Amino acid sequence: MGSVKESQKAAPTEQIARQMLALGNPRFDLEALEKKMRARIQKLSPDVDRSLDASVRVFIEGVLLWEFGDDLNQDPHFYQMLDEIVPKICENKDLANKFHQLFSDMQSRQR
């Protein structure tokens, strides 16, 4: 039941993204964004472990830089914000599960 509502919500977003991409805005290339996020997560050192915290941080950072531009990483408050947001996401069981599922889905689409 919940997945029907989620797919109904996702459809307009995907449609808008396709329209914006057709107009030449590369920020709306969802496949390119997903590919970039997979690459960022895969770059995590196996020594550090690809923990949920590390993966969420790299993902959130990447999406925000994709959306607002790479200059954002020059703002010291950007990393302070990530330091505050990531633990809250990972502490929230529902959000943590959604991110875990997202990463699993991304990995399975890569194969």
N, C-alpha and C. Protein backbone atom coordinates (compact mmCIF):
# COMPACT_ATOMS: atom_id res chain seq x y z
N MET A 1 0.83 -1.19 0.00
CA MET A 1 0.00 0.00 0.00
C MET A 1 0.87 1.25 0.00
N GLY A 2 1.88 1.31 0.90
CA GLY A 2 2.76 2.47 0.99
C GLY A 2 3.58 2.66 -0.27
N SER A 3 3.97 1.56 -0.93
CA SER A 3 4.79 1.67 -2.13
C SER A 3 4.02 2.30 -3.28
N VAL A 4 2.71 2.11 -3.35
CA VAL A 4 1.91 2.74 -4.39
C VAL A 4 1.95 4.25 -4.21
N LYS A 5 1.75 4.70 -2.98
CA LYS A 5 1.80 6.14 -2.72
C LYS A 5 3.18 6.70 -3.03
N GLU A 6 4.24 5.98 -2.65
CA GLU A 6 5.59 6.43 -2.91
C GLU A 6 5.85 6.52 -4.41
N SER A 7 5.40 5.54 -5.18
CA SER A 7 5.62 5.57 -6.62
C SER A 7 4.82 6.70 -7.27
N GLN A 8 3.64 7.00 -6.72
CA GLN A 8 2.85 8.11 -7.25
C GLN A 8 3.56 9.43 -6.98
N LYS A 9 4.22 9.55 -5.82
CA LYS A 9 4.96 10.77 -5.50
C LYS A 9 6.22 10.88 -6.35
N ALA A 10 6.88 9.76 -6.61
CA ALA A 10 8.14 9.76 -7.34
C ALA A 10 7.94 10.09 -8.82
N ALA A 11 6.83 9.66 -9.38
CA ALA A 11 6.60 9.84 -10.80
C ALA A 11 6.69 11.30 -11.25
N PRO A 12 6.02 12.25 -10.60
CA PRO A 12 6.15 13.65 -11.03
C PRO A 12 7.58 14.17 -10.92
N THR A 13 8.30 13.75 -9.89
CA THR A 13 9.69 14.19 -9.72
C THR A 13 10.54 13.69 -10.87
N GLU A 14 10.39 12.43 -11.21
CA GLU A 14 11.15 11.86 -12.32
C GLU A 14 10.77 12.52 -13.64
N GLN A 15 9.50 12.83 -13.79
CA GLN A 15 9.04 13.49 -15.02
C GLN A 15 9.66 14.88 -15.13
N ILE A 16 9.68 15.62 -14.06
CA ILE A 16 10.30 16.95 -14.06
C ILE A 16 11.78 16.84 -14.36
N ALA A 17 12.44 15.85 -13.74
CA ALA A 17 13.88 15.66 -13.97
C ALA A 17 14.15 15.38 -15.45
N ARG A 18 13.33 14.53 -16.06
CA ARG A 18 13.51 14.22 -17.49
C ARG A 18 13.31 15.48 -18.35
N GLN A 19 12.31 16.29 -18.00
CA GLN A 19 12.05 17.51 -18.76
C GLN A 19 13.22 18.48 -18.63
N MET A 20 13.73 18.64 -17.41
CA MET A 20 14.85 19.56 -17.20
C MET A 20 16.11 19.06 -17.91
N LEU A 21 16.34 17.76 -17.90
CA LEU A 21 17.48 17.18 -18.60
C LEU A 21 17.35 17.42 -20.10
N ALA A 22 16.13 17.27 -20.62
CA ALA A 22 15.89 17.52 -22.04
C ALA A 22 16.18 18.97 -22.41
N LEU A 23 16.00 19.86 -21.44
CA LEU A 23 16.28 21.28 -21.68
C LEU A 23 17.77 21.60 -21.53
N GLY A 24 18.56 20.58 -21.22
CA GLY A 24 20.00 20.77 -21.16
C GLY A 24 20.57 21.00 -19.78
N ASN A 25 19.80 20.76 -18.74
CA ASN A 25 20.31 20.95 -17.38
C ASN A 25 20.82 19.61 -16.85
N PRO A 26 22.17 19.42 -16.81
CA PRO A 26 22.73 18.13 -16.41
C PRO A 26 22.48 17.78 -14.94
N ARG A 27 22.15 18.75 -14.11
CA ARG A 27 21.87 18.45 -12.70
C ARG A 27 20.67 17.54 -12.55
N PHE A 28 19.85 17.44 -13.56
CA PHE A 28 18.65 16.63 -13.48
C PHE A 28 18.84 15.24 -14.10
N ASP A 29 20.08 14.88 -14.40
CA ASP A 29 20.38 13.55 -14.91
C ASP A 29 20.49 12.61 -13.72
N LEU A 30 19.37 12.00 -13.34
CA LEU A 30 19.32 11.16 -12.14
C LEU A 30 20.23 9.94 -12.26
N GLU A 31 20.38 9.41 -13.46
CA GLU A 31 21.28 8.27 -13.65
C GLU A 31 22.72 8.68 -13.40
N ALA A 32 23.10 9.87 -13.89
CA ALA A 32 24.46 10.36 -13.66
C ALA A 32 24.70 10.62 -12.18
N LEU A 33 23.70 11.16 -11.51
CA LEU A 33 23.83 11.41 -10.08
C LEU A 33 24.01 10.09 -9.34
N GLU A 34 23.19 9.10 -9.66
CA GLU A 34 23.31 7.80 -8.99
C GLU A 34 24.68 7.18 -9.25
N LYS A 35 25.16 7.28 -10.48
CA LYS A 35 26.48 6.74 -10.81
C LYS A 35 27.57 7.44 -10.00
N LYS A 36 27.44 8.75 -9.89
CA LYS A 36 28.42 9.52 -9.12
C LYS A 36 28.37 9.13 -7.64
N MET A 37 27.17 8.95 -7.11
CA MET A 37 27.04 8.58 -5.69
C MET A 37 27.61 7.19 -5.44
N ARG A 38 27.37 6.26 -6.35
CA ARG A 38 27.95 4.91 -6.21
C ARG A 38 29.47 4.99 -6.19
N ALA A 39 30.03 5.79 -7.10
CA ALA A 39 31.49 5.92 -7.17
C ALA A 39 32.04 6.54 -5.89
N ARG A 40 31.36 7.54 -5.35
CA ARG A 40 31.82 8.18 -4.10
C ARG A 40 31.80 7.18 -2.95
N ILE A 41 30.76 6.39 -2.86
CA ILE A 41 30.65 5.42 -1.77
C ILE A 41 31.70 4.32 -1.94
N GLN A 42 31.95 3.91 -3.18
CA GLN A 42 32.94 2.86 -3.42
C GLN A 42 34.35 3.33 -3.11
N LYS A 43 34.58 4.64 -3.15
CA LYS A 43 35.91 5.18 -2.83
C LYS A 43 36.23 5.14 -1.35
N LEU A 44 35.22 4.87 -0.54
CA LEU A 44 35.48 4.76 0.90
C LEU A 44 36.48 3.65 1.14
N SER A 45 37.42 3.90 1.99
CA SER A 45 38.46 2.92 2.30
C SER A 45 37.86 1.70 2.98
N PRO A 46 38.20 0.51 2.51
CA PRO A 46 37.72 -0.70 3.20
C PRO A 46 38.25 -0.76 4.64
N ASP A 47 39.41 -0.11 4.89
CA ASP A 47 39.96 -0.08 6.24
C ASP A 47 39.04 0.68 7.19
N VAL A 48 38.44 1.74 6.68
CA VAL A 48 37.55 2.57 7.48
C VAL A 48 36.20 1.88 7.61
N ASP A 49 35.94 0.96 6.69
CA ASP A 49 34.67 0.24 6.63
C ASP A 49 33.63 1.13 5.98
N ARG A 50 32.87 0.53 5.16
CA ARG A 50 31.79 1.28 4.50
C ARG A 50 30.57 1.24 5.39
N SER A 51 30.73 1.81 6.55
CA SER A 51 29.64 1.84 7.52
C SER A 51 28.50 2.72 7.01
N LEU A 52 27.35 2.56 7.63
CA LEU A 52 26.21 3.38 7.24
C LEU A 52 26.53 4.86 7.44
N ASP A 53 27.16 5.21 8.57
CA ASP A 53 27.50 6.61 8.83
C ASP A 53 28.36 7.19 7.71
N ALA A 54 29.41 6.46 7.34
CA ALA A 54 30.33 6.95 6.31
C ALA A 54 29.62 7.05 4.97
N SER A 55 28.81 6.05 4.64
CA SER A 55 28.10 6.05 3.36
C SER A 55 27.07 7.18 3.30
N VAL A 56 26.34 7.38 4.38
CA VAL A 56 25.35 8.47 4.42
C VAL A 56 26.06 9.81 4.28
N ARG A 57 27.16 9.99 4.97
CA ARG A 57 27.88 11.27 4.89
C ARG A 57 28.34 11.55 3.46
N VAL A 58 28.95 10.56 2.83
CA VAL A 58 29.44 10.73 1.47
C VAL A 58 28.27 10.99 0.52
N PHE A 59 27.16 10.30 0.74
CA PHE A 59 25.99 10.47 -0.11
C PHE A 59 25.39 11.87 0.05
N ILE A 60 25.12 12.28 1.28
CA ILE A 60 24.53 13.60 1.53
C ILE A 60 25.45 14.70 1.01
N GLU A 61 26.72 14.59 1.30
CA GLU A 61 27.70 15.58 0.81
C GLU A 61 27.65 15.65 -0.71
N GLY A 62 27.67 14.50 -1.36
CA GLY A 62 27.66 14.47 -2.82
C GLY A 62 26.41 15.06 -3.44
N VAL A 63 25.26 14.74 -2.87
CA VAL A 63 24.00 15.27 -3.40
C VAL A 63 23.95 16.79 -3.22
N LEU A 64 24.37 17.28 -2.07
CA LEU A 64 24.35 18.73 -1.84
C LEU A 64 25.33 19.45 -2.77
N LEU A 65 26.51 18.88 -2.98
CA LEU A 65 27.46 19.49 -3.91
C LEU A 65 26.93 19.44 -5.34
N TRP A 66 26.27 18.35 -5.70
CA TRP A 66 25.66 18.21 -7.03
C TRP A 66 24.60 19.30 -7.22
N GLU A 67 23.79 19.49 -6.20
CA GLU A 67 22.67 20.43 -6.30
C GLU A 67 23.11 21.90 -6.24
N PHE A 68 24.03 22.20 -5.33
CA PHE A 68 24.38 23.60 -5.07
C PHE A 68 25.75 24.01 -5.60
N GLY A 69 26.50 23.09 -6.15
CA GLY A 69 27.79 23.41 -6.75
C GLY A 69 28.95 23.08 -5.82
N ASP A 70 30.08 22.78 -6.44
CA ASP A 70 31.27 22.37 -5.69
C ASP A 70 31.84 23.46 -4.80
N ASP A 71 31.50 24.71 -5.06
CA ASP A 71 31.99 25.80 -4.20
C ASP A 71 31.46 25.69 -2.78
N LEU A 72 30.37 24.98 -2.61
CA LEU A 72 29.79 24.81 -1.28
C LEU A 72 30.79 24.18 -0.31
N ASN A 73 31.68 23.32 -0.83
CA ASN A 73 32.64 22.68 0.08
C ASN A 73 33.70 23.64 0.59
N GLN A 74 33.71 24.86 0.12
CA GLN A 74 34.62 25.88 0.63
C GLN A 74 34.07 26.55 1.89
N ASP A 75 32.81 26.37 2.14
CA ASP A 75 32.16 26.97 3.31
C ASP A 75 32.39 26.07 4.52
N PRO A 76 33.07 26.57 5.56
CA PRO A 76 33.34 25.73 6.74
C PRO A 76 32.06 25.26 7.43
N HIS A 77 31.00 26.00 7.29
CA HIS A 77 29.73 25.60 7.91
C HIS A 77 29.12 24.38 7.23
N PHE A 78 29.51 24.15 5.99
CA PHE A 78 28.99 23.00 5.25
C PHE A 78 29.36 21.71 5.98
N TYR A 79 30.61 21.59 6.37
CA TYR A 79 31.05 20.35 7.04
C TYR A 79 30.53 20.27 8.47
N GLN A 80 30.35 21.42 9.11
CA GLN A 80 29.73 21.42 10.44
C GLN A 80 28.29 20.92 10.34
N MET A 81 27.62 21.34 9.29
CA MET A 81 26.24 20.90 9.06
C MET A 81 26.21 19.38 8.85
N LEU A 82 27.12 18.87 8.05
CA LEU A 82 27.18 17.42 7.83
C LEU A 82 27.45 16.68 9.14
N ASP A 83 28.33 17.26 9.97
CA ASP A 83 28.65 16.64 11.27
C ASP A 83 27.41 16.54 12.16
N GLU A 84 26.48 17.46 11.99
CA GLU A 84 25.25 17.45 12.79
C GLU A 84 24.15 16.58 12.17
N ILE A 85 24.05 16.62 10.86
CA ILE A 85 22.95 15.93 10.18
C ILE A 85 23.15 14.42 10.12
N VAL A 86 24.33 13.98 9.75
CA VAL A 86 24.57 12.55 9.51
C VAL A 86 24.26 11.68 10.74
N PRO A 87 24.75 12.04 11.94
CA PRO A 87 24.41 11.20 13.10
C PRO A 87 22.90 11.14 13.36
N LYS A 88 22.21 12.26 13.13
CA LYS A 88 20.76 12.27 13.35
C LYS A 88 20.05 11.33 12.37
N ILE A 89 20.50 11.32 11.13
CA ILE A 89 19.92 10.41 10.14
C ILE A 89 20.15 8.97 10.56
N CYS A 90 21.38 8.67 10.95
CA CYS A 90 21.74 7.28 11.29
C CYS A 90 21.11 6.81 12.60
N GLU A 91 20.82 7.75 13.49
CA GLU A 91 20.17 7.39 14.76
C GLU A 91 18.68 7.12 14.59
N ASN A 92 18.10 7.69 13.54
CA ASN A 92 16.68 7.49 13.26
C ASN A 92 16.51 6.17 12.52
N LYS A 93 15.88 5.22 13.17
CA LYS A 93 15.78 3.86 12.63
C LYS A 93 15.14 3.84 11.24
N ASP A 94 14.06 4.59 11.06
CA ASP A 94 13.37 4.61 9.76
C ASP A 94 14.26 5.18 8.66
N LEU A 95 14.91 6.31 8.95
CA LEU A 95 15.80 6.91 7.95
C LEU A 95 16.99 6.01 7.66
N ALA A 96 17.57 5.44 8.71
CA ALA A 96 18.71 4.54 8.53
C ALA A 96 18.32 3.36 7.64
N ASN A 97 17.14 2.80 7.87
CA ASN A 97 16.67 1.69 7.04
C ASN A 97 16.46 2.12 5.59
N LYS A 98 15.93 3.32 5.39
CA LYS A 98 15.71 3.82 4.02
C LYS A 98 17.04 4.02 3.30
N PHE A 99 18.03 4.57 4.00
CA PHE A 99 19.34 4.75 3.38
C PHE A 99 19.99 3.40 3.10
N HIS A 100 19.86 2.47 4.03
CA HIS A 100 20.42 1.13 3.81
C HIS A 100 19.79 0.51 2.57
N GLN A 101 18.46 0.64 2.43
CA GLN A 101 17.77 0.10 1.25
C GLN A 101 18.22 0.83 -0.02
N LEU A 102 18.37 2.14 0.06
CA LEU A 102 18.83 2.92 -1.09
C LEU A 102 20.19 2.42 -1.56
N PHE A 103 21.11 2.24 -0.62
CA PHE A 103 22.45 1.78 -0.99
C PHE A 103 22.41 0.37 -1.56
N SER A 104 21.57 -0.48 -1.01
CA SER A 104 21.41 -1.85 -1.54
C SER A 104 20.85 -1.81 -2.96
N ASP A 105 19.84 -0.97 -3.17
CA ASP A 105 19.25 -0.83 -4.51
C ASP A 105 20.27 -0.30 -5.52
N MET A 106 21.04 0.69 -5.11
CA MET A 106 22.06 1.25 -5.99
C MET A 106 23.09 0.19 -6.36
N GLN A 107 23.49 -0.60 -5.40
CA GLN A 107 24.46 -1.65 -5.64
C GLN A 107 23.91 -2.70 -6.60
N SER A 108 22.65 -3.07 -6.42
CA SER A 108 22.07 -4.11 -7.28
C SER A 108 21.87 -3.60 -8.71
N ARG A 109 21.60 -2.32 -8.89
CA ARG A 109 21.44 -1.76 -10.24
C ARG A 109 22.78 -1.65 -10.96
N GLN A 110 23.85 -1.62 -10.21
CA GLN A 110 25.18 -1.48 -10.80
C GLN A 110 25.57 -2.76 -11.53
N ARG A 111 25.12 -3.89 -11.07
CA ARG A 111 25.54 -5.19 -11.63
C ARG A 111 24.94 -5.46 -12.96
